[in-house]
Amino acid sequence: MPDYAYFDLGPTVLQHGATVPNLRLAYKTYGTLAPDRSNLVLYPTSYGAQHYDTQWLIGPGRVLDPTDWFIVIPNMFTNGLSTSPSTLPEPFGHGRFPVFTHWDNVHAQKRLVQEAFGAETVALIYGWSMGGQQALHWGSLFPDMVERICAVCTSARTSPHNKVFLEGVRATLTADPAWAGTHFRDRPVTGLRAMGRVYAGWAMSQAFYREEMWRGAGFSSLEDWLVRSWEGNFLRRSGDDLLASLDTWYRSDISDNEIHKGDLAKALGAITAKSIIMPSTTDLYFTALDSERETAQMPNAEFRPIVSDWGHRAGNPNLNPADKAVLRQAVADLLG
């Protein structure tokens, strides 16, 4: 039996115009919702991740503590649990997949918060990578609902250099012989393995590899790290789902909507929640400089870099106790 629930949104028009007859949001909760609904924490998922992959961060004494907080992980559209290419019935198969954006994600999450839990405010939105993109979308689109944000190794708008990285990942995956031009005919094993190796070079810093820091994470060799941690990570997923998630990431922009009309400064200025923005000093695609420039335009935000050699994964440090402690302190500072 699945350990999560579904919130059925019914017929839903997505931001880019497609209508999904029954949009479904998979989610899991931890802890107990307070009678006054004041302790709800939202923790959206990241690229290629399902709640199984990110719930390690939740527990007594961990970054998010369910002793005091009611924590909800909404699975992002395209991750294989919520509505995704791999779950959609005809006529959406075989390359007819709709476009999903973070506008779609956060509007569905807003309905979940209000309709399933009866809450009108969110005490904290915590997100890493694409989860952080959703957190910033929340703060910009629904400022009256969001009290605090912790956004880790992320961006308000996908940068040009980040898009180049995504184009490389896309090209690697679609070089698989199973690629039919709009979808995969079969499971793209070769492409998924190649994608994992390309991703490994971008996700971790040069120092991580120079100092062989994978040894401290329980891997016996560089090849062991690449096969078990990176190839294995993407082999779990549908190639079509991963491409759809890449597209969501590529399009991520808190100003790309009818409210802010492409004005990023206006969209950042709308984020009034008390926020801590935490890039990694060695992140190769969500760079600290880009993050600092965005944070400077948010009226109530602190720029707090994670000084780490773990690159982008400093923001998801399941294997790295030092960076866990940094994240735990940031959340404690926000929640008091």
C-alpha atoms as a PDB file:
ATOM      1  CA  MET A   1       0.000   0.000   0.000  1.00  0.00           C
ATOM      2  CA  PRO A   2       1.298   3.508  -0.768  1.00  0.00           C
ATOM      3  CA  ASP A   3       2.288   5.609   2.223  1.00  0.00           C
ATOM      4  CA  TYR A   4       0.903   8.797   0.691  1.00  0.00           C
ATOM      5  CA  ALA A   5      -2.435  10.298  -0.291  1.00  0.00           C
ATOM      6  CA  TYR A   6      -3.862  11.907  -3.426  1.00  0.00           C
ATOM      7  CA  PHE A   7      -5.580  15.258  -3.687  1.00  0.00           C
ATOM      8  CA  ASP A   8      -7.796  15.218  -6.778  1.00  0.00           C
ATOM      9  CA  LEU A   9      -8.068  18.641  -8.390  1.00  0.00           C
ATOM     10  CA  GLY A  10     -10.587  17.637 -11.043  1.00  0.00           C
ATOM     11  CA  PRO A  11     -10.515  19.162 -14.548  1.00  0.00           C
ATOM     12  CA  THR A  12      -7.725  21.737 -14.477  1.00  0.00           C
ATOM     13  CA  VAL A  13      -6.481  24.211 -17.077  1.00  0.00           C
ATOM     14  CA  LEU A  14      -2.686  24.456 -16.876  1.00  0.00           C
ATOM     15  CA  GLN A  15      -0.788  27.728 -17.279  1.00  0.00           C
ATOM     16  CA  HIS A  16       0.093  26.913 -20.884  1.00  0.00           C
ATOM     17  CA  GLY A  17      -3.472  26.081 -21.852  1.00  0.00           C
ATOM     18  CA  ALA A  18      -3.866  22.303 -21.768  1.00  0.00           C
ATOM     19  CA  THR A  19      -6.775  20.899 -19.772  1.00  0.00           C
ATOM     20  CA  VAL A  20      -6.043  17.819 -17.666  1.00  0.00           C
ATOM     21  CA  PRO A  21      -9.352  16.059 -16.898  1.00  0.00           C
ATOM     22  CA  ASN A  22      -8.250  14.876 -13.446  1.00  0.00           C
ATOM     23  CA  LEU A  23      -5.095  16.530 -12.170  1.00  0.00           C
ATOM     24  CA  ARG A  24      -3.758  14.634  -9.131  1.00  0.00           C
ATOM     25  CA  LEU A  25      -1.360  15.824  -6.455  1.00  0.00           C
ATOM     26  CA  ALA A  26       0.362  13.110  -4.405  1.00  0.00           C
ATOM     27  CA  TYR A  27       1.403  14.216  -0.937  1.00  0.00           C
ATOM     28  CA  LYS A  28       2.561  12.894   2.423  1.00  0.00           C
ATOM     29  CA  THR A  29       2.166  14.477   5.855  1.00  0.00           C
ATOM     30  CA  TYR A  30       4.245  14.276   9.037  1.00  0.00           C
ATOM     31  CA  GLY A  31       3.219  15.441  12.501  1.00  0.00           C
ATOM     32  CA  THR A  32      -0.105  16.858  13.682  1.00  0.00           C
ATOM     33  CA  LEU A  33      -1.915  19.914  12.378  1.00  0.00           C
ATOM     34  CA  ALA A  34      -2.649  22.374  15.185  1.00  0.00           C
ATOM     35  CA  PRO A  35      -6.325  23.208  15.845  1.00  0.00           C
ATOM     36  CA  ASP A  36      -5.710  26.776  14.664  1.00  0.00           C
ATOM     37  CA  ARG A  37      -3.852  25.532  11.520  1.00  0.00           C
ATOM     38  CA  SER A  38      -0.838  27.683  12.456  1.00  0.00           C
ATOM     39  CA  ASN A  39       1.934  25.060  12.216  1.00  0.00           C
ATOM     40  CA  LEU A  40       1.749  23.944   8.589  1.00  0.00           C
ATOM     41  CA  VAL A  41       5.121  23.642   6.825  1.00  0.00           C
ATOM     42  CA  LEU A  42       5.294  22.979   3.082  1.00  0.00           C
ATOM     43  CA  TYR A  43       8.295  21.076   1.682  1.00  0.00           C
ATOM     44  CA  PRO A  44       8.034  20.674  -2.146  1.00  0.00           C
ATOM     45  CA  THR A  45      10.129  18.069  -3.974  1.00  0.00           C
ATOM     46  CA  SER A  46      13.138  18.636  -6.235  1.00  0.00           C
ATOM     47  CA  TYR A  47      14.264  17.331  -9.652  1.00  0.00           C
ATOM     48  CA  GLY A  48      13.817  13.594 -10.079  1.00  0.00           C
ATOM     49  CA  ALA A  49      12.814  13.254  -6.409  1.00  0.00           C
ATOM     50  CA  GLN A  50       9.768  11.824  -4.716  1.00  0.00           C
ATOM     51  CA  HIS A  51       8.927  12.257  -1.041  1.00  0.00           C
ATOM     52  CA  TYR A  52      10.769   8.996  -0.312  1.00  0.00           C
ATOM     53  CA  ASP A  53      14.015  10.710  -1.348  1.00  0.00           C
ATOM     54  CA  THR A  54      13.628  13.874   0.716  1.00  0.00           C
ATOM     55  CA  GLN A  55      11.855  12.797   3.910  1.00  0.00           C
ATOM     56  CA  TRP A  56      15.205  11.970   5.593  1.00  0.00           C
ATOM     57  CA  LEU A  57      15.284  15.662   6.541  1.00  0.00           C
ATOM     58  CA  ILE A  58      12.153  15.244   8.712  1.00  0.00           C
ATOM     59  CA  GLY A  59      12.250  13.899  12.253  1.00  0.00           C
ATOM     60  CA  PRO A  60      12.801  14.858  15.903  1.00  0.00           C
ATOM     61  CA  GLY A  61      15.948  16.969  16.090  1.00  0.00           C
ATOM     62  CA  ARG A  62      16.319  17.099  12.301  1.00  0.00           C
ATOM     63  CA  VAL A  63      16.000  20.077   9.962  1.00  0.00           C
ATOM     64  CA  LEU A  64      12.194  19.881   9.995  1.00  0.00           C
ATOM     65  CA  ASP A  65      10.820  18.571  13.286  1.00  0.00           C
ATOM     66  CA  PRO A  66       7.306  17.023  13.218  1.00  0.00           C
ATOM     67  CA  THR A  67       7.102  17.252  17.008  1.00  0.00           C
ATOM     68  CA  ASP A  68       5.983  20.862  16.671  1.00  0.00           C
ATOM     69  CA  TRP A  69       5.224  21.258  12.980  1.00  0.00           C
ATOM     70  CA  PHE A  70       2.787  19.690  10.544  1.00  0.00           C
ATOM     71  CA  ILE A  71       4.942  19.049   7.496  1.00  0.00           C
ATOM     72  CA  VAL A  72       3.475  18.399   4.059  1.00  0.00           C
ATOM     73  CA  ILE A  73       5.533  17.143   1.123  1.00  0.00           C
ATOM     74  CA  PRO A  74       3.626  17.789  -2.132  1.00  0.00           C
ATOM     75  CA  ASN A  75       5.142  15.761  -4.954  1.00  0.00           C
ATOM     76  CA  MET A  76       5.898  17.967  -7.942  1.00  0.00           C
ATOM     77  CA  PHE A  77       4.003  17.345 -11.159  1.00  0.00           C
ATOM     78  CA  THR A  78       6.127  15.180 -13.504  1.00  0.00           C
ATOM     79  CA  ASN A  79       7.845  13.246 -10.662  1.00  0.00           C
ATOM     80  CA  GLY A  80       5.983  10.003 -11.334  1.00  0.00           C
ATOM     81  CA  LEU A  81       3.619  10.138  -8.320  1.00  0.00           C
ATOM     82  CA  SER A  82       1.676  13.330  -8.987  1.00  0.00           C
ATOM     83  CA  THR A  83       0.294  13.728 -12.506  1.00  0.00           C
ATOM     84  CA  SER A  84       3.174  13.055 -14.921  1.00  0.00           C
ATOM     85  CA  PRO A  85       3.734  11.860 -18.482  1.00  0.00           C
ATOM     86  CA  SER A  86       4.070   8.320 -17.109  1.00  0.00           C
ATOM     87  CA  THR A  87       0.669   8.494 -15.371  1.00  0.00           C
ATOM     88  CA  LEU A  88      -1.438  10.291 -17.976  1.00  0.00           C
ATOM     89  CA  PRO A  89      -3.929   8.294 -20.066  1.00  0.00           C
ATOM     90  CA  GLU A  90      -4.522   8.792 -23.768  1.00  0.00           C
ATOM     91  CA  PRO A  91      -4.617  11.114 -25.603  1.00  0.00           C
ATOM     92  CA  PHE A  92      -1.644  12.531 -23.699  1.00  0.00           C
ATOM     93  CA  GLY A  93       0.804   9.689 -24.411  1.00  0.00           C
ATOM     94  CA  HIS A  94       3.399   9.310 -27.139  1.00  0.00           C
ATOM     95  CA  GLY A  95       4.686  12.860 -27.095  1.00  0.00           C
ATOM     96  CA  ARG A  96       1.392  14.669 -26.494  1.00  0.00           C
ATOM     97  CA  PHE A  97       2.399  15.542 -22.946  1.00  0.00           C
ATOM     98  CA  PRO A  98       1.163  18.873 -21.557  1.00  0.00           C
ATOM     99  CA  VAL A  99       3.581  21.522 -20.292  1.00  0.00           C
ATOM    100  CA  PHE A 100       3.780  21.785 -16.508  1.00  0.00           C
ATOM    101  CA  THR A 101       5.120  24.909 -14.799  1.00  0.00           C
ATOM    102  CA  HIS A 102       5.717  25.944 -11.214  1.00  0.00           C
ATOM    103  CA  TRP A 103       2.637  28.155 -11.573  1.00  0.00           C
ATOM    104  CA  ASP A 104       0.711  24.888 -11.918  1.00  0.00           C
ATOM    105  CA  ASN A 105       2.539  23.290  -8.985  1.00  0.00           C
ATOM    106  CA  VAL A 106       1.978  26.087  -6.495  1.00  0.00           C
ATOM    107  CA  HIS A 107      -1.642  26.717  -7.456  1.00  0.00           C
ATOM    108  CA  ALA A 108      -2.376  23.030  -6.887  1.00  0.00           C
ATOM    109  CA  GLN A 109      -0.514  23.172  -3.569  1.00  0.00           C
ATOM    110  CA  LYS A 110      -2.515  26.241  -2.546  1.00  0.00           C
ATOM    111  CA  ARG A 111      -5.720  24.314  -3.100  1.00  0.00           C
ATOM    112  CA  LEU A 112      -4.314  21.412  -1.075  1.00  0.00           C
ATOM    113  CA  VAL A 113      -3.454  23.726   1.829  1.00  0.00           C
ATOM    114  CA  GLN A 114      -6.838  25.442   1.807  1.00  0.00           C
ATOM    115  CA  GLU A 115      -9.218  22.638   0.844  1.00  0.00           C
ATOM    116  CA  ALA A 116      -7.609  19.568   2.426  1.00  0.00           C
ATOM    117  CA  PHE A 117      -6.220  21.197   5.575  1.00  0.00           C
ATOM    118  CA  GLY A 118      -8.383  24.297   5.996  1.00  0.00           C
ATOM    119  CA  ALA A 119      -5.322  26.548   6.366  1.00  0.00           C
ATOM    120  CA  GLU A 120      -5.011  30.104   5.076  1.00  0.00           C
ATOM    121  CA  THR A 121      -1.359  30.613   6.033  1.00  0.00           C
ATOM    122  CA  VAL A 122       1.825  28.577   5.693  1.00  0.00           C
ATOM    123  CA  ALA A 123       4.270  28.926   8.593  1.00  0.00           C
ATOM    124  CA  LEU A 124       7.284  27.978   6.464  1.00  0.00           C
ATOM    125  CA  ILE A 125       8.001  26.869   2.931  1.00  0.00           C
ATOM    126  CA  TYR A 126      11.267  24.969   2.787  1.00  0.00           C
ATOM    127  CA  GLY A 127      12.706  23.950  -0.574  1.00  0.00           C
ATOM    128  CA  TRP A 128      15.938  22.809  -2.193  1.00  0.00           C
ATOM    129  CA  SER A 129      16.713  23.199  -5.920  1.00  0.00           C
ATOM    130  CA  MET A 130      13.402  22.909  -7.822  1.00  0.00           C
ATOM    131  CA  GLY A 131      11.705  22.770  -4.426  1.00  0.00           C
ATOM    132  CA  GLY A 132      13.246  26.165  -3.702  1.00  0.00           C
ATOM    133  CA  GLN A 133      11.930  27.488  -7.002  1.00  0.00           C
ATOM    134  CA  GLN A 134       8.446  26.509  -5.846  1.00  0.00           C
ATOM    135  CA  ALA A 135       9.041  28.196  -2.473  1.00  0.00           C
ATOM    136  CA  LEU A 136       9.935  31.476  -4.194  1.00  0.00           C
ATOM    137  CA  HIS A 137       6.938  31.175  -6.498  1.00  0.00           C
ATOM    138  CA  TRP A 138       4.745  30.787  -3.423  1.00  0.00           C
ATOM    139  CA  GLY A 139       6.238  33.866  -1.782  1.00  0.00           C
ATOM    140  CA  SER A 140       5.794  35.985  -4.900  1.00  0.00           C
ATOM    141  CA  LEU A 141       2.335  34.803  -5.960  1.00  0.00           C
ATOM    142  CA  PHE A 142       0.698  34.413  -2.526  1.00  0.00           C
ATOM    143  CA  PRO A 143       2.587  36.815  -0.225  1.00  0.00           C
ATOM    144  CA  ASP A 144      -0.301  37.106   2.238  1.00  0.00           C
ATOM    145  CA  MET A 145      -0.251  33.360   2.871  1.00  0.00           C
ATOM    146  CA  VAL A 146       3.484  32.795   3.393  1.00  0.00           C
ATOM    147  CA  GLU A 147       5.086  33.699   6.709  1.00  0.00           C
ATOM    148  CA  ARG A 148       8.626  32.341   6.176  1.00  0.00           C
ATOM    149  CA  ILE A 149      10.762  30.898   3.386  1.00  0.00           C
ATOM    150  CA  CYS A 150      13.966  28.870   3.470  1.00  0.00           C
ATOM    151  CA  ALA A 151      15.150  28.540  -0.139  1.00  0.00           C
ATOM    152  CA  VAL A 152      18.282  26.434  -0.615  1.00  0.00           C
ATOM    153  CA  CYS A 153      20.505  26.198  -3.728  1.00  0.00           C
ATOM    154  CA  THR A 154      17.870  27.582  -6.065  1.00  0.00           C
ATOM    155  CA  SER A 155      16.772  30.564  -8.150  1.00  0.00           C
ATOM    156  CA  ALA A 156      13.804  32.806  -8.780  1.00  0.00           C
ATOM    157  CA  ARG A 157      14.484  32.645 -12.529  1.00  0.00           C
ATOM    158  CA  THR A 158      16.490  29.945 -14.283  1.00  0.00           C
ATOM    159  CA  SER A 159      19.701  31.627 -15.445  1.00  0.00           C
ATOM    160  CA  PRO A 160      21.084  31.398 -19.002  1.00  0.00           C
ATOM    161  CA  HIS A 161      24.036  29.296 -17.803  1.00  0.00           C
ATOM    162  CA  ASN A 162      21.703  26.953 -15.920  1.00  0.00           C
ATOM    163  CA  LYS A 163      19.718  26.548 -19.140  1.00  0.00           C
ATOM    164  CA  VAL A 164      22.896  25.504 -20.963  1.00  0.00           C
ATOM    165  CA  PHE A 165      23.422  22.810 -18.321  1.00  0.00           C
ATOM    166  CA  LEU A 166      19.835  21.611 -18.820  1.00  0.00           C
ATOM    167  CA  GLU A 167      20.278  21.533 -22.599  1.00  0.00           C
ATOM    168  CA  GLY A 168      23.302  19.277 -22.113  1.00  0.00           C
ATOM    169  CA  VAL A 169      21.350  16.907 -19.874  1.00  0.00           C
ATOM    170  CA  ARG A 170      18.453  16.879 -22.336  1.00  0.00           C
ATOM    171  CA  ALA A 171      20.749  16.152 -25.289  1.00  0.00           C
ATOM    172  CA  THR A 172      22.452  13.324 -23.402  1.00  0.00           C
ATOM    173  CA  LEU A 173      19.190  11.625 -22.454  1.00  0.00           C
ATOM    174  CA  THR A 174      17.580  11.983 -25.878  1.00  0.00           C
ATOM    175  CA  ALA A 175      20.665  10.528 -27.614  1.00  0.00           C
ATOM    176  CA  ASP A 176      19.378   7.138 -26.472  1.00  0.00           C
ATOM    177  CA  PRO A 177      18.219   4.905 -29.387  1.00  0.00           C
ATOM    178  CA  ALA A 178      14.777   4.674 -27.757  1.00  0.00           C
ATOM    179  CA  TRP A 179      14.111   8.386 -28.372  1.00  0.00           C
ATOM    180  CA  ALA A 180      11.355   8.794 -30.982  1.00  0.00           C
ATOM    181  CA  GLY A 181      11.625  12.570 -31.354  1.00  0.00           C
ATOM    182  CA  THR A 182       8.787  13.418 -28.968  1.00  0.00           C
ATOM    183  CA  HIS A 183       8.883  10.527 -26.466  1.00  0.00           C
ATOM    184  CA  PHE A 184      10.704   7.299 -25.623  1.00  0.00           C
ATOM    185  CA  ARG A 185       9.580   4.089 -27.342  1.00  0.00           C
ATOM    186  CA  ASP A 186      11.280   1.983 -24.678  1.00  0.00           C
ATOM    187  CA  ARG A 187      13.141   2.472 -21.408  1.00  0.00           C
ATOM    188  CA  PRO A 188      16.247   4.585 -22.275  1.00  0.00           C
ATOM    189  CA  VAL A 189      18.758   2.694 -20.111  1.00  0.00           C
ATOM    190  CA  THR A 190      21.833   3.958 -21.973  1.00  0.00           C
ATOM    191  CA  GLY A 191      20.602   7.545 -21.882  1.00  0.00           C
ATOM    192  CA  LEU A 192      19.708   7.393 -18.185  1.00  0.00           C
ATOM    193  CA  ARG A 193      23.149   6.052 -17.293  1.00  0.00           C
ATOM    194  CA  ALA A 194      24.868   8.701 -19.414  1.00  0.00           C
ATOM    195  CA  MET A 195      22.664  11.392 -17.890  1.00  0.00           C
ATOM    196  CA  GLY A 196      23.726  10.307 -14.413  1.00  0.00           C
ATOM    197  CA  ARG A 197      27.400  10.695 -15.262  1.00  0.00           C
ATOM    198  CA  VAL A 198      26.930  14.117 -16.840  1.00  0.00           C
ATOM    199  CA  TYR A 199      24.884  15.240 -13.859  1.00  0.00           C
ATOM    200  CA  ALA A 200      27.533  14.015 -11.388  1.00  0.00           C
ATOM    201  CA  GLY A 201      30.097  16.386 -12.874  1.00  0.00           C
ATOM    202  CA  TRP A 202      27.837  19.407 -12.454  1.00  0.00           C
ATOM    203  CA  ALA A 203      26.218  18.596  -9.124  1.00  0.00           C
ATOM    204  CA  MET A 204      29.432  18.271  -7.106  1.00  0.00           C
ATOM    205  CA  SER A 205      32.387  20.656  -6.892  1.00  0.00           C
ATOM    206  CA  GLN A 206      35.893  20.219  -8.229  1.00  0.00           C
ATOM    207  CA  ALA A 207      37.158  20.018  -4.647  1.00  0.00           C
ATOM    208  CA  PHE A 208      34.717  17.199  -3.896  1.00  0.00           C
ATOM    209  CA  TYR A 209      36.362  15.049  -6.544  1.00  0.00           C
ATOM    210  CA  ARG A 210      39.912  16.236  -5.933  1.00  0.00           C
ATOM    211  CA  GLU A 211      39.673  15.315  -2.245  1.00  0.00           C
ATOM    212  CA  GLU A 212      37.781  12.080  -3.007  1.00  0.00           C
ATOM    213  CA  MET A 213      35.033  13.107  -0.624  1.00  0.00           C
ATOM    214  CA  TRP A 214      32.822  10.315  -1.958  1.00  0.00           C
ATOM    215  CA  ARG A 215      34.864   7.974   0.271  1.00  0.00           C
ATOM    216  CA  GLY A 216      33.435   9.556   3.400  1.00  0.00           C
ATOM    217  CA  ALA A 217      29.955   9.055   1.964  1.00  0.00           C
ATOM    218  CA  GLY A 218      30.414   5.278   1.884  1.00  0.00           C
ATOM    219  CA  PHE A 219      31.614   4.634  -1.672  1.00  0.00           C
ATOM    220  CA  SER A 220      34.639   2.474  -2.408  1.00  0.00           C
ATOM    221  CA  SER A 221      35.746   4.095  -5.668  1.00  0.00           C
ATOM    222  CA  LEU A 222      34.853   6.871  -8.077  1.00  0.00           C
ATOM    223  CA  GLU A 223      33.174   4.305 -10.330  1.00  0.00           C
ATOM    224  CA  ASP A 224      31.171   2.995  -7.382  1.00  0.00           C
ATOM    225  CA  TRP A 225      30.003   6.554  -6.677  1.00  0.00           C
ATOM    226  CA  LEU A 226      29.014   7.172 -10.308  1.00  0.00           C
ATOM    227  CA  VAL A 227      27.167   3.870 -10.728  1.00  0.00           C
ATOM    228  CA  ARG A 228      25.347   3.557  -7.403  1.00  0.00           C
ATOM    229  CA  SER A 229      24.707   7.218  -6.591  1.00  0.00           C
ATOM    230  CA  TRP A 230      24.166   8.764 -10.025  1.00  0.00           C
ATOM    231  CA  GLU A 231      23.277   6.133 -12.592  1.00  0.00           C
ATOM    232  CA  GLY A 232      21.119   4.434  -9.975  1.00  0.00           C
ATOM    233  CA  ASN A 233      19.350   7.679  -9.131  1.00  0.00           C
ATOM    234  CA  PHE A 234      18.036   8.273 -12.633  1.00  0.00           C
ATOM    235  CA  LEU A 235      17.468   4.640 -13.598  1.00  0.00           C
ATOM    236  CA  ARG A 236      14.571   4.675 -11.104  1.00  0.00           C
ATOM    237  CA  ARG A 237      12.631   7.174 -13.189  1.00  0.00           C
ATOM    238  CA  SER A 238      10.741   7.427 -16.466  1.00  0.00           C
ATOM    239  CA  GLY A 239      12.688   9.156 -19.231  1.00  0.00           C
ATOM    240  CA  ASP A 240       9.565  11.060 -20.290  1.00  0.00           C
ATOM    241  CA  ASP A 241       8.999  12.254 -16.712  1.00  0.00           C
ATOM    242  CA  LEU A 242      12.593  13.445 -16.397  1.00  0.00           C
ATOM    243  CA  LEU A 243      12.341  15.419 -19.637  1.00  0.00           C
ATOM    244  CA  ALA A 244       9.073  17.013 -18.521  1.00  0.00           C
ATOM    245  CA  SER A 245      10.699  18.005 -15.215  1.00  0.00           C
ATOM    246  CA  LEU A 246      13.639  19.502 -17.115  1.00  0.00           C
ATOM    247  CA  ASP A 247      11.160  21.597 -19.052  1.00  0.00           C
ATOM    248  CA  THR A 248       9.537  22.843 -15.823  1.00  0.00           C
ATOM    249  CA  TRP A 249      12.985  23.769 -14.489  1.00  0.00           C
ATOM    250  CA  TYR A 250      13.982  25.473 -17.756  1.00  0.00           C
ATOM    251  CA  ARG A 251      10.824  27.618 -17.706  1.00  0.00           C
ATOM    252  CA  SER A 252      11.038  28.492 -13.996  1.00  0.00           C
ATOM    253  CA  ASP A 253      10.566  32.242 -13.539  1.00  0.00           C
ATOM    254  CA  ILE A 254       8.557  33.803 -10.704  1.00  0.00           C
ATOM    255  CA  SER A 255       7.737  36.781 -12.950  1.00  0.00           C
ATOM    256  CA  ASP A 256       6.464  34.778 -15.954  1.00  0.00           C
ATOM    257  CA  ASN A 257       2.770  35.169 -15.233  1.00  0.00           C
ATOM    258  CA  GLU A 258      -0.154  37.531 -15.587  1.00  0.00           C
ATOM    259  CA  ILE A 259       0.561  39.099 -12.180  1.00  0.00           C
ATOM    260  CA  HIS A 260       4.163  40.251 -12.683  1.00  0.00           C
ATOM    261  CA  LYS A 261       4.282  40.252 -16.512  1.00  0.00           C
ATOM    262  CA  GLY A 262       7.980  39.384 -16.784  1.00  0.00           C
ATOM    263  CA  ASP A 263       9.200  42.007 -14.304  1.00  0.00           C
ATOM    264  CA  LEU A 264      11.583  40.017 -12.093  1.00  0.00           C
ATOM    265  CA  ALA A 265      12.365  42.941  -9.784  1.00  0.00           C
ATOM    266  CA  LYS A 266       8.644  43.404  -9.143  1.00  0.00           C
ATOM    267  CA  ALA A 267       8.181  39.690  -8.531  1.00  0.00           C
ATOM    268  CA  LEU A 268      11.102  39.545  -6.083  1.00  0.00           C
ATOM    269  CA  GLY A 269       9.879  42.682  -4.335  1.00  0.00           C
ATOM    270  CA  ALA A 270       6.520  41.004  -3.771  1.00  0.00           C
ATOM    271  CA  ILE A 271       8.125  38.368  -1.508  1.00  0.00           C
ATOM    272  CA  THR A 272       7.450  39.841   1.915  1.00  0.00           C
ATOM    273  CA  ALA A 273       7.920  36.640   3.941  1.00  0.00           C
ATOM    274  CA  LYS A 274      10.817  36.484   6.361  1.00  0.00           C
ATOM    275  CA  SER A 275      13.309  34.548   4.265  1.00  0.00           C
ATOM    276  CA  ILE A 276      16.738  32.986   4.359  1.00  0.00           C
ATOM    277  CA  ILE A 277      18.256  32.336   0.931  1.00  0.00           C
ATOM    278  CA  MET A 278      21.033  29.744   1.044  1.00  0.00           C
ATOM    279  CA  PRO A 279      23.159  29.047  -2.029  1.00  0.00           C
ATOM    280  CA  SER A 280      26.172  26.767  -1.845  1.00  0.00           C
ATOM    281  CA  THR A 281      29.490  28.540  -2.371  1.00  0.00           C
ATOM    282  CA  THR A 282      30.522  25.773  -4.807  1.00  0.00           C
ATOM    283  CA  ASP A 283      27.233  25.236  -6.668  1.00  0.00           C
ATOM    284  CA  LEU A 284      28.118  25.202 -10.372  1.00  0.00           C
ATOM    285  CA  TYR A 285      24.699  26.094 -11.781  1.00  0.00           C
ATOM    286  CA  PHE A 286      22.692  27.804  -9.025  1.00  0.00           C
ATOM    287  CA  THR A 287      25.570  30.145  -8.303  1.00  0.00           C
ATOM    288  CA  ALA A 288      25.987  32.198  -5.143  1.00  0.00           C
ATOM    289  CA  LEU A 289      26.432  35.392  -7.199  1.00  0.00           C
ATOM    290  CA  ASP A 290      23.131  34.900  -9.014  1.00  0.00           C
ATOM    291  CA  SER A 291      21.447  34.139  -5.699  1.00  0.00           C
ATOM    292  CA  GLU A 292      22.923  37.201  -4.005  1.00  0.00           C
ATOM    293  CA  ARG A 293      21.600  39.466  -6.756  1.00  0.00           C
ATOM    294  CA  GLU A 294      18.101  38.049  -6.395  1.00  0.00           C
ATOM    295  CA  THR A 295      18.142  38.186  -2.592  1.00  0.00           C
ATOM    296  CA  ALA A 296      19.099  41.874  -2.651  1.00  0.00           C
ATOM    297  CA  GLN A 297      15.753  42.607  -4.323  1.00  0.00           C
ATOM    298  CA  MET A 298      13.682  40.810  -1.662  1.00  0.00           C
ATOM    299  CA  PRO A 299      12.572  43.200   1.116  1.00  0.00           C
ATOM    300  CA  ASN A 300      12.785  40.798   4.073  1.00  0.00           C
ATOM    301  CA  ALA A 301      15.440  38.269   3.067  1.00  0.00           C
ATOM    302  CA  GLU A 302      18.830  37.287   4.467  1.00  0.00           C
ATOM    303  CA  PHE A 303      21.563  36.004   2.160  1.00  0.00           C
ATOM    304  CA  ARG A 304      23.247  33.114   4.006  1.00  0.00           C
ATOM    305  CA  PRO A 305      25.573  31.011   1.814  1.00  0.00           C
ATOM    306  CA  ILE A 306      26.477  27.443   2.745  1.00  0.00           C
ATOM    307  CA  VAL A 307      30.284  27.259   2.767  1.00  0.00           C
ATOM    308  CA  SER A 308      30.803  23.739   1.469  1.00  0.00           C
ATOM    309  CA  ASP A 309      32.723  21.641  -1.064  1.00  0.00           C
ATOM    310  CA  TRP A 310      29.633  19.550  -1.769  1.00  0.00           C
ATOM    311  CA  GLY A 311      28.467  21.752  -4.642  1.00  0.00           C
ATOM    312  CA  HIS A 312      24.748  21.724  -5.345  1.00  0.00           C
ATOM    313  CA  ARG A 313      24.303  18.760  -3.004  1.00  0.00           C
ATOM    314  CA  ALA A 314      25.280  20.932  -0.033  1.00  0.00           C
ATOM    315  CA  GLY A 315      21.595  21.784  -0.029  1.00  0.00           C
ATOM    316  CA  ASN A 316      20.523  18.131   0.199  1.00  0.00           C
ATOM    317  CA  PRO A 317      23.178  16.797   2.583  1.00  0.00           C
ATOM    318  CA  ASN A 318      21.846  13.396   3.580  1.00  0.00           C
ATOM    319  CA  LEU A 319      25.465  12.149   3.550  1.00  0.00           C
ATOM    320  CA  ASN A 320      27.040  15.311   4.951  1.00  0.00           C
ATOM    321  CA  PRO A 321      26.485  16.098   8.672  1.00  0.00           C
ATOM    322  CA  ALA A 322      28.230  19.492   8.594  1.00  0.00           C
ATOM    323  CA  ASP A 323      25.862  20.950   6.014  1.00  0.00           C
ATOM    324  CA  LYS A 324      22.871  19.356   7.754  1.00  0.00           C
ATOM    325  CA  ALA A 325      23.734  21.399  10.830  1.00  0.00           C
ATOM    326  CA  VAL A 326      23.818  24.622   8.792  1.00  0.00           C
ATOM    327  CA  LEU A 327      20.353  23.956   7.389  1.00  0.00           C
ATOM    328  CA  ARG A 328      18.978  22.971  10.791  1.00  0.00           C
ATOM    329  CA  GLN A 329      20.218  26.246  12.274  1.00  0.00           C
ATOM    330  CA  ALA A 330      18.659  28.312   9.488  1.00  0.00           C
ATOM    331  CA  VAL A 331      15.250  26.726  10.016  1.00  0.00           C
ATOM    332  CA  ALA A 332      15.572  27.163  13.785  1.00  0.00           C
ATOM    333  CA  ASP A 333      16.362  30.839  13.267  1.00  0.00           C
ATOM    334  CA  LEU A 334      13.313  31.273  11.059  1.00  0.00           C
ATOM    335  CA  LEU A 335      10.909  29.386  13.276  1.00  0.00           C
ATOM    336  CA  GLY A 336      12.262  30.740  16.537  1.00  0.00           C
END
